[in-house]
Amino acid sequence: MSIGFKWRSADAGRLILRLGLATILLFHGVYKLGHGVDWIKPLLAQFHLPTMLAYGTYIAEVVAPVLLIVGIQVRLAALAIVVDMCMAMLLVLRHRIFSLSEQPGGSWAIELQALLLFSSLALVFLDAGSYGLRQKPKQMSERQSA
């Protein structure tokens, strides 16, 4: 296996991670576009947080997934999702963090949110890879070794 192939494999992995994360979150975002985020406001108020933060959900679950899909500002988009998942765990799921799911199989009660959180966190430390609209030009030495 050549070094060039390894780089392409890593870029393909980043693309799959970006697209998978974005697809799942877009469904949540589309739901919130249709039903609103007013239900989040009382939860924010319980923690003495500004209710205007509820609209950040649209950024994290609509705008950020679109940015992930096209490969622009991937780290920033992923960071928005990290914040969104932390808020979801704090506001809605805090009582289930150390619980098993009620469904058969013995899964973690917040495994979807945790998976989204950790996938987003991985993208914060990675980048978009080569497959995206905005990519860094490869250095001459990288092209020659590929």
N, C-alpha and C. Protein backbone atom coordinates (compact mmCIF):
# COMPACT_ATOMS: atom_id res chain seq x y z
N MET A 1 0.86 -1.17 0.00
CA MET A 1 0.00 0.00 0.00
C MET A 1 0.91 1.23 0.00
N SER A 2 0.70 2.11 -0.93
CA SER A 2 1.55 3.31 -1.03
C SER A 2 1.08 4.39 -0.07
N ILE A 3 1.96 5.34 0.18
CA ILE A 3 1.63 6.45 1.08
C ILE A 3 0.47 7.25 0.52
N GLY A 4 0.44 7.45 -0.79
CA GLY A 4 -0.64 8.19 -1.43
C GLY A 4 -2.00 7.57 -1.17
N PHE A 5 -2.06 6.25 -1.20
CA PHE A 5 -3.32 5.56 -0.94
C PHE A 5 -3.77 5.77 0.49
N LYS A 6 -2.83 5.76 1.43
CA LYS A 6 -3.18 5.99 2.83
C LYS A 6 -3.81 7.36 3.01
N TRP A 7 -3.25 8.36 2.34
CA TRP A 7 -3.81 9.71 2.47
C TRP A 7 -5.21 9.74 1.89
N ARG A 8 -5.43 9.11 0.78
CA ARG A 8 -6.77 9.10 0.19
C ARG A 8 -7.74 8.34 1.09
N SER A 9 -7.27 7.26 1.71
CA SER A 9 -8.13 6.50 2.62
C SER A 9 -8.53 7.36 3.81
N ALA A 10 -7.59 8.11 4.36
CA ALA A 10 -7.91 8.99 5.49
C ALA A 10 -8.91 10.06 5.06
N ASP A 11 -8.75 10.60 3.88
CA ASP A 11 -9.68 11.60 3.38
C ASP A 11 -11.07 11.00 3.15
N ALA A 12 -11.11 9.79 2.65
CA ALA A 12 -12.39 9.11 2.46
C ALA A 12 -13.06 8.86 3.81
N GLY A 13 -12.26 8.48 4.81
CA GLY A 13 -12.80 8.28 6.16
C GLY A 13 -13.37 9.57 6.73
N ARG A 14 -12.67 10.67 6.52
CA ARG A 14 -13.18 11.97 6.98
C ARG A 14 -14.49 12.31 6.28
N LEU A 15 -14.55 12.04 4.99
CA LEU A 15 -15.77 12.32 4.23
C LEU A 15 -16.94 11.50 4.77
N ILE A 16 -16.71 10.23 5.01
CA ILE A 16 -17.78 9.36 5.54
C ILE A 16 -18.23 9.86 6.92
N LEU A 17 -17.28 10.22 7.76
CA LEU A 17 -17.61 10.75 9.09
C LEU A 17 -18.43 12.03 8.97
N ARG A 18 -18.01 12.94 8.10
CA ARG A 18 -18.73 14.20 7.90
C ARG A 18 -20.14 13.95 7.39
N LEU A 19 -20.28 13.10 6.37
CA LEU A 19 -21.59 12.86 5.77
C LEU A 19 -22.53 12.12 6.71
N GLY A 20 -22.01 11.16 7.43
CA GLY A 20 -22.85 10.42 8.39
C GLY A 20 -23.36 11.33 9.49
N LEU A 21 -22.46 12.10 10.09
CA LEU A 21 -22.83 13.03 11.15
C LEU A 21 -23.83 14.06 10.64
N ALA A 22 -23.56 14.62 9.48
CA ALA A 22 -24.43 15.64 8.91
C ALA A 22 -25.82 15.10 8.60
N THR A 23 -25.89 13.91 8.06
CA THR A 23 -27.19 13.32 7.71
C THR A 23 -28.06 13.14 8.95
N ILE A 24 -27.49 12.56 9.99
CA ILE A 24 -28.25 12.33 11.22
C ILE A 24 -28.74 13.66 11.81
N LEU A 25 -27.85 14.65 11.87
CA LEU A 25 -28.23 15.93 12.47
C LEU A 25 -29.23 16.70 11.62
N LEU A 26 -29.14 16.57 10.31
CA LEU A 26 -30.09 17.29 9.45
C LEU A 26 -31.53 16.84 9.72
N PHE A 27 -31.73 15.56 9.99
CA PHE A 27 -33.08 15.10 10.32
C PHE A 27 -33.60 15.79 11.58
N HIS A 28 -32.73 15.94 12.57
CA HIS A 28 -33.11 16.66 13.79
C HIS A 28 -33.40 18.12 13.48
N GLY A 29 -32.56 18.72 12.63
CA GLY A 29 -32.74 20.12 12.27
C GLY A 29 -34.01 20.37 11.48
N VAL A 30 -34.30 19.49 10.54
CA VAL A 30 -35.52 19.64 9.74
C VAL A 30 -36.74 19.54 10.64
N TYR A 31 -36.72 18.63 11.59
CA TYR A 31 -37.82 18.50 12.54
C TYR A 31 -38.00 19.82 13.29
N LYS A 32 -36.90 20.39 13.76
CA LYS A 32 -36.99 21.64 14.53
C LYS A 32 -37.41 22.82 13.65
N LEU A 33 -37.05 22.79 12.38
CA LEU A 33 -37.53 23.84 11.47
C LEU A 33 -39.05 23.79 11.34
N GLY A 34 -39.60 22.59 11.34
CA GLY A 34 -41.05 22.42 11.21
C GLY A 34 -41.81 22.63 12.51
N HIS A 35 -41.19 22.31 13.62
CA HIS A 35 -41.90 22.34 14.91
C HIS A 35 -41.41 23.43 15.86
N GLY A 36 -40.32 24.08 15.53
CA GLY A 36 -39.83 25.16 16.37
C GLY A 36 -38.96 24.69 17.52
N VAL A 37 -38.44 25.66 18.25
CA VAL A 37 -37.55 25.37 19.38
C VAL A 37 -38.08 25.97 20.68
N ASP A 38 -39.34 26.35 20.69
CA ASP A 38 -39.91 26.95 21.91
C ASP A 38 -39.86 26.01 23.11
N TRP A 39 -39.90 24.72 22.88
CA TRP A 39 -39.86 23.75 23.98
C TRP A 39 -38.52 23.77 24.71
N ILE A 40 -37.48 24.29 24.06
CA ILE A 40 -36.15 24.35 24.67
C ILE A 40 -36.04 25.53 25.65
N LYS A 41 -36.80 26.59 25.41
CA LYS A 41 -36.68 27.82 26.19
C LYS A 41 -36.90 27.62 27.69
N PRO A 42 -37.92 26.88 28.13
CA PRO A 42 -38.08 26.66 29.58
C PRO A 42 -36.91 25.88 30.19
N LEU A 43 -36.34 24.97 29.42
CA LEU A 43 -35.18 24.21 29.92
C LEU A 43 -33.99 25.13 30.13
N LEU A 44 -33.78 26.06 29.20
CA LEU A 44 -32.71 27.04 29.35
C LEU A 44 -32.96 27.94 30.55
N ALA A 45 -34.21 28.35 30.73
CA ALA A 45 -34.57 29.23 31.85
C ALA A 45 -34.31 28.55 33.19
N GLN A 46 -34.50 27.23 33.27
CA GLN A 46 -34.23 26.50 34.51
C GLN A 46 -32.77 26.65 34.94
N PHE A 47 -31.88 26.80 33.96
CA PHE A 47 -30.45 26.95 34.24
C PHE A 47 -30.02 28.42 34.20
N HIS A 48 -31.00 29.31 34.16
CA HIS A 48 -30.75 30.75 34.13
C HIS A 48 -29.91 31.16 32.92
N LEU A 49 -30.16 30.48 31.80
CA LEU A 49 -29.49 30.81 30.54
C LEU A 49 -30.45 31.59 29.66
N PRO A 50 -29.95 32.46 28.81
CA PRO A 50 -30.83 33.23 27.93
C PRO A 50 -31.61 32.31 26.99
N THR A 51 -32.90 32.54 26.90
CA THR A 51 -33.74 31.69 26.05
C THR A 51 -33.40 31.84 24.57
N MET A 52 -32.71 32.90 24.23
CA MET A 52 -32.30 33.10 22.84
C MET A 52 -31.33 32.00 22.38
N LEU A 53 -30.67 31.34 23.32
CA LEU A 53 -29.77 30.24 22.97
C LEU A 53 -30.48 29.09 22.27
N ALA A 54 -31.78 29.00 22.44
CA ALA A 54 -32.55 27.94 21.77
C ALA A 54 -32.37 28.00 20.26
N TYR A 55 -32.18 29.19 19.72
CA TYR A 55 -32.03 29.34 18.27
C TYR A 55 -30.67 28.85 17.79
N GLY A 56 -29.74 28.64 18.69
CA GLY A 56 -28.47 28.04 18.33
C GLY A 56 -28.62 26.63 17.80
N THR A 57 -29.73 26.01 18.16
CA THR A 57 -30.04 24.68 17.66
C THR A 57 -30.10 24.68 16.13
N TYR A 58 -30.64 25.74 15.56
CA TYR A 58 -30.71 25.83 14.10
C TYR A 58 -29.32 25.89 13.49
N ILE A 59 -28.42 26.57 14.16
CA ILE A 59 -27.04 26.65 13.65
C ILE A 59 -26.39 25.27 13.71
N ALA A 60 -26.55 24.59 14.84
CA ALA A 60 -25.88 23.30 15.04
C ALA A 60 -26.53 22.16 14.28
N GLU A 61 -27.84 22.25 14.01
CA GLU A 61 -28.52 21.11 13.41
C GLU A 61 -29.00 21.35 11.99
N VAL A 62 -28.80 22.56 11.48
CA VAL A 62 -29.14 22.85 10.07
C VAL A 62 -27.91 23.41 9.35
N VAL A 63 -27.38 24.51 9.84
CA VAL A 63 -26.26 25.17 9.16
C VAL A 63 -25.00 24.31 9.24
N ALA A 64 -24.65 23.84 10.43
CA ALA A 64 -23.42 23.05 10.60
C ALA A 64 -23.43 21.77 9.75
N PRO A 65 -24.53 21.01 9.70
CA PRO A 65 -24.52 19.83 8.83
C PRO A 65 -24.32 20.17 7.35
N VAL A 66 -24.89 21.28 6.90
CA VAL A 66 -24.69 21.68 5.51
C VAL A 66 -23.21 22.00 5.27
N LEU A 67 -22.59 22.69 6.22
CA LEU A 67 -21.16 22.99 6.10
C LEU A 67 -20.33 21.70 6.09
N LEU A 68 -20.71 20.72 6.90
CA LEU A 68 -20.00 19.44 6.90
C LEU A 68 -20.13 18.74 5.55
N ILE A 69 -21.31 18.78 4.98
CA ILE A 69 -21.53 18.10 3.70
C ILE A 69 -20.67 18.70 2.60
N VAL A 70 -20.63 20.02 2.54
CA VAL A 70 -19.86 20.66 1.47
C VAL A 70 -18.37 20.79 1.81
N GLY A 71 -18.01 20.59 3.06
CA GLY A 71 -16.61 20.61 3.45
C GLY A 71 -16.04 21.99 3.69
N ILE A 72 -16.87 22.91 4.12
CA ILE A 72 -16.43 24.27 4.41
C ILE A 72 -16.54 24.51 5.92
N GLN A 73 -15.50 25.11 6.50
CA GLN A 73 -15.48 25.43 7.93
C GLN A 73 -15.86 24.22 8.79
N VAL A 74 -15.28 23.07 8.47
CA VAL A 74 -15.63 21.81 9.12
C VAL A 74 -15.35 21.86 10.62
N ARG A 75 -14.21 22.38 11.01
CA ARG A 75 -13.88 22.40 12.44
C ARG A 75 -14.85 23.29 13.22
N LEU A 76 -15.19 24.43 12.67
CA LEU A 76 -16.13 25.34 13.33
C LEU A 76 -17.52 24.71 13.40
N ALA A 77 -17.96 24.09 12.32
CA ALA A 77 -19.26 23.42 12.29
C ALA A 77 -19.29 22.29 13.32
N ALA A 78 -18.23 21.51 13.37
CA ALA A 78 -18.16 20.41 14.33
C ALA A 78 -18.18 20.93 15.76
N LEU A 79 -17.51 22.05 16.01
CA LEU A 79 -17.51 22.65 17.34
C LEU A 79 -18.92 23.09 17.74
N ALA A 80 -19.68 23.63 16.80
CA ALA A 80 -21.07 24.01 17.07
C ALA A 80 -21.89 22.78 17.47
N ILE A 81 -21.62 21.66 16.83
CA ILE A 81 -22.34 20.42 17.15
C ILE A 81 -21.92 19.90 18.53
N VAL A 82 -20.65 20.02 18.86
CA VAL A 82 -20.17 19.62 20.19
C VAL A 82 -20.92 20.40 21.27
N VAL A 83 -21.03 21.71 21.08
CA VAL A 83 -21.74 22.55 22.05
C VAL A 83 -23.21 22.15 22.11
N ASP A 84 -23.82 21.90 20.96
CA ASP A 84 -25.23 21.50 20.89
C ASP A 84 -25.46 20.19 21.66
N MET A 85 -24.58 19.21 21.45
CA MET A 85 -24.74 17.93 22.13
C MET A 85 -24.51 18.06 23.64
N CYS A 86 -23.56 18.88 24.04
CA CYS A 86 -23.35 19.12 25.47
C CYS A 86 -24.59 19.77 26.09
N MET A 87 -25.16 20.72 25.38
CA MET A 87 -26.38 21.38 25.88
C MET A 87 -27.54 20.38 25.95
N ALA A 88 -27.67 19.53 24.94
CA ALA A 88 -28.74 18.52 24.95
C ALA A 88 -28.57 17.58 26.15
N MET A 89 -27.34 17.18 26.40
CA MET A 89 -27.10 16.29 27.54
C MET A 89 -27.37 16.99 28.87
N LEU A 90 -27.00 18.25 28.96
CA LEU A 90 -27.22 19.01 30.19
C LEU A 90 -28.71 19.30 30.40
N LEU A 91 -29.37 19.80 29.38
CA LEU A 91 -30.75 20.27 29.53
C LEU A 91 -31.78 19.14 29.54
N VAL A 92 -31.60 18.17 28.67
CA VAL A 92 -32.65 17.18 28.47
C VAL A 92 -32.27 15.80 29.02
N LEU A 93 -31.04 15.42 28.89
CA LEU A 93 -30.65 14.04 29.15
C LEU A 93 -29.82 13.81 30.40
N ARG A 94 -29.62 14.83 31.22
CA ARG A 94 -28.71 14.71 32.37
C ARG A 94 -29.10 13.60 33.32
N HIS A 95 -30.38 13.33 33.46
CA HIS A 95 -30.82 12.28 34.38
C HIS A 95 -30.62 10.88 33.80
N ARG A 96 -30.25 10.79 32.51
CA ARG A 96 -30.06 9.48 31.86
C ARG A 96 -28.60 9.16 31.57
N ILE A 97 -27.68 10.05 31.94
CA ILE A 97 -26.27 9.88 31.57
C ILE A 97 -25.69 8.57 32.10
N PHE A 98 -26.06 8.17 33.29
CA PHE A 98 -25.53 6.94 33.88
C PHE A 98 -26.56 5.82 33.87
N SER A 99 -27.39 5.80 32.82
CA SER A 99 -28.47 4.82 32.74
C SER A 99 -28.37 3.97 31.49
N LEU A 100 -29.00 2.81 31.56
CA LEU A 100 -29.15 1.98 30.38
C LEU A 100 -30.47 2.32 29.70
N SER A 101 -30.54 2.07 28.43
CA SER A 101 -31.75 2.30 27.67
C SER A 101 -32.85 1.35 28.13
N GLU A 102 -34.08 1.77 27.98
CA GLU A 102 -35.21 0.92 28.34
C GLU A 102 -35.49 -0.12 27.27
N GLN A 103 -34.90 0.05 26.10
CA GLN A 103 -35.07 -0.92 25.02
C GLN A 103 -34.17 -2.12 25.25
N PRO A 104 -34.56 -3.28 24.75
CA PRO A 104 -33.72 -4.47 24.93
C PRO A 104 -32.35 -4.27 24.27
N GLY A 105 -31.35 -4.86 24.84
CA GLY A 105 -30.02 -4.79 24.25
C GLY A 105 -28.99 -4.19 25.18
N GLY A 106 -29.41 -3.56 26.25
CA GLY A 106 -28.48 -3.03 27.22
C GLY A 106 -27.66 -1.86 26.74
N SER A 107 -28.21 -1.03 25.90
CA SER A 107 -27.45 0.11 25.39
C SER A 107 -27.46 1.28 26.37
N TRP A 108 -26.50 2.17 26.20
CA TRP A 108 -26.41 3.38 26.99
C TRP A 108 -27.59 4.27 26.62
N ALA A 109 -28.23 4.87 27.58
CA ALA A 109 -29.44 5.66 27.34
C ALA A 109 -29.18 6.88 26.45
N ILE A 110 -27.96 7.38 26.45
CA ILE A 110 -27.66 8.56 25.62
C ILE A 110 -26.63 8.23 24.53
N GLU A 111 -26.65 6.99 24.06
CA GLU A 111 -25.59 6.59 23.13
C GLU A 111 -25.61 7.36 21.81
N LEU A 112 -26.77 7.71 21.30
CA LEU A 112 -26.82 8.47 20.05
C LEU A 112 -26.18 9.85 20.24
N GLN A 113 -26.56 10.53 21.30
CA GLN A 113 -26.02 11.86 21.56
C GLN A 113 -24.51 11.78 21.83
N ALA A 114 -24.08 10.75 22.55
CA ALA A 114 -22.66 10.58 22.82
C ALA A 114 -21.89 10.30 21.52
N LEU A 115 -22.46 9.49 20.67
CA LEU A 115 -21.81 9.20 19.39
C LEU A 115 -21.70 10.46 18.54
N LEU A 116 -22.76 11.26 18.52
CA LEU A 116 -22.72 12.52 17.79
C LEU A 116 -21.69 13.47 18.40
N LEU A 117 -21.64 13.52 19.71
CA LEU A 117 -20.67 14.37 20.40
C LEU A 117 -19.24 13.96 20.07
N PHE A 118 -18.93 12.68 20.20
CA PHE A 118 -17.55 12.23 19.98
C PHE A 118 -17.16 12.28 18.50
N SER A 119 -18.11 12.03 17.62
CA SER A 119 -17.83 12.16 16.18
C SER A 119 -17.52 13.61 15.84
N SER A 120 -18.29 14.52 16.39
CA SER A 120 -18.05 15.95 16.16
C SER A 120 -16.71 16.37 16.73
N LEU A 121 -16.42 15.88 17.92
CA LEU A 121 -15.16 16.22 18.55
C LEU A 121 -13.98 15.72 17.71
N ALA A 122 -14.13 14.55 17.12
CA ALA A 122 -13.07 14.03 16.23
C ALA A 122 -12.86 14.98 15.06
N LEU A 123 -13.94 15.50 14.49
CA LEU A 123 -13.82 16.43 13.36
C LEU A 123 -13.23 17.77 13.77
N VAL A 124 -13.41 18.15 15.02
CA VAL A 124 -12.78 19.39 15.50
C VAL A 124 -11.27 19.24 15.40
N PHE A 125 -10.76 18.05 15.73
CA PHE A 125 -9.32 17.83 15.71
C PHE A 125 -8.79 17.41 14.35
N LEU A 126 -9.64 16.86 13.52
CA LEU A 126 -9.26 16.53 12.15
C LEU A 126 -9.49 17.76 11.29
N ASP A 127 -9.85 17.56 10.07
CA ASP A 127 -10.28 18.64 9.20
C ASP A 127 -11.16 18.01 8.13
N ALA A 128 -11.48 18.76 7.11
CA ALA A 128 -12.37 18.27 6.06
C ALA A 128 -11.73 17.18 5.21
N GLY A 129 -10.42 17.17 5.13
CA GLY A 129 -9.75 16.25 4.22
C GLY A 129 -9.76 16.84 2.81
N SER A 130 -9.42 16.01 1.85
CA SER A 130 -9.33 16.48 0.46
C SER A 130 -10.67 16.59 -0.25
N TYR A 131 -11.68 15.95 0.31
CA TYR A 131 -12.98 15.94 -0.36
C TYR A 131 -13.89 17.00 0.23
N GLY A 132 -13.88 18.16 -0.35
CA GLY A 132 -14.70 19.27 0.10
C GLY A 132 -14.49 20.45 -0.82
N LEU A 133 -15.36 21.42 -0.74
CA LEU A 133 -15.24 22.59 -1.60
C LEU A 133 -14.04 23.45 -1.25
N ARG A 134 -13.72 23.51 0.02
CA ARG A 134 -12.59 24.33 0.44
C ARG A 134 -11.52 23.41 0.99
N GLN A 135 -10.46 23.30 0.28
CA GLN A 135 -9.38 22.43 0.71
C GLN A 135 -8.06 23.16 0.60
N LYS A 136 -7.15 22.77 1.46
CA LYS A 136 -5.83 23.37 1.43
C LYS A 136 -5.08 22.82 0.23
N PRO A 137 -4.35 23.67 -0.50
CA PRO A 137 -3.54 23.14 -1.58
C PRO A 137 -2.39 22.31 -1.01
N LYS A 138 -2.13 21.18 -1.65
CA LYS A 138 -1.04 20.33 -1.18
C LYS A 138 0.30 20.98 -1.49
N GLN A 139 1.21 20.82 -0.58
CA GLN A 139 2.57 21.30 -0.78
C GLN A 139 3.24 20.44 -1.85
N MET A 140 4.21 20.98 -2.49
CA MET A 140 4.92 20.27 -3.54
C MET A 140 5.51 18.96 -3.03
N SER A 141 6.09 18.97 -1.82
CA SER A 141 6.70 17.75 -1.27
C SER A 141 5.64 16.67 -1.01
N GLU A 142 4.42 17.08 -0.61
CA GLU A 142 3.33 16.11 -0.39
C GLU A 142 2.91 15.48 -1.71
N ARG A 143 2.85 16.26 -2.79
CA ARG A 143 2.45 15.74 -4.09
C ARG A 143 3.46 14.73 -4.59
N GLN A 144 4.74 14.99 -4.37
CA GLN A 144 5.77 14.11 -4.87
C GLN A 144 5.78 12.80 -4.10
N SER A 145 5.50 12.83 -2.79
CA SER A 145 5.50 11.60 -2.01
C SER A 145 4.24 10.79 -2.21
N ALA A 146 3.18 11.41 -2.71
CA ALA A 146 1.92 10.70 -2.95
C ALA A 146 2.04 9.96 -4.22
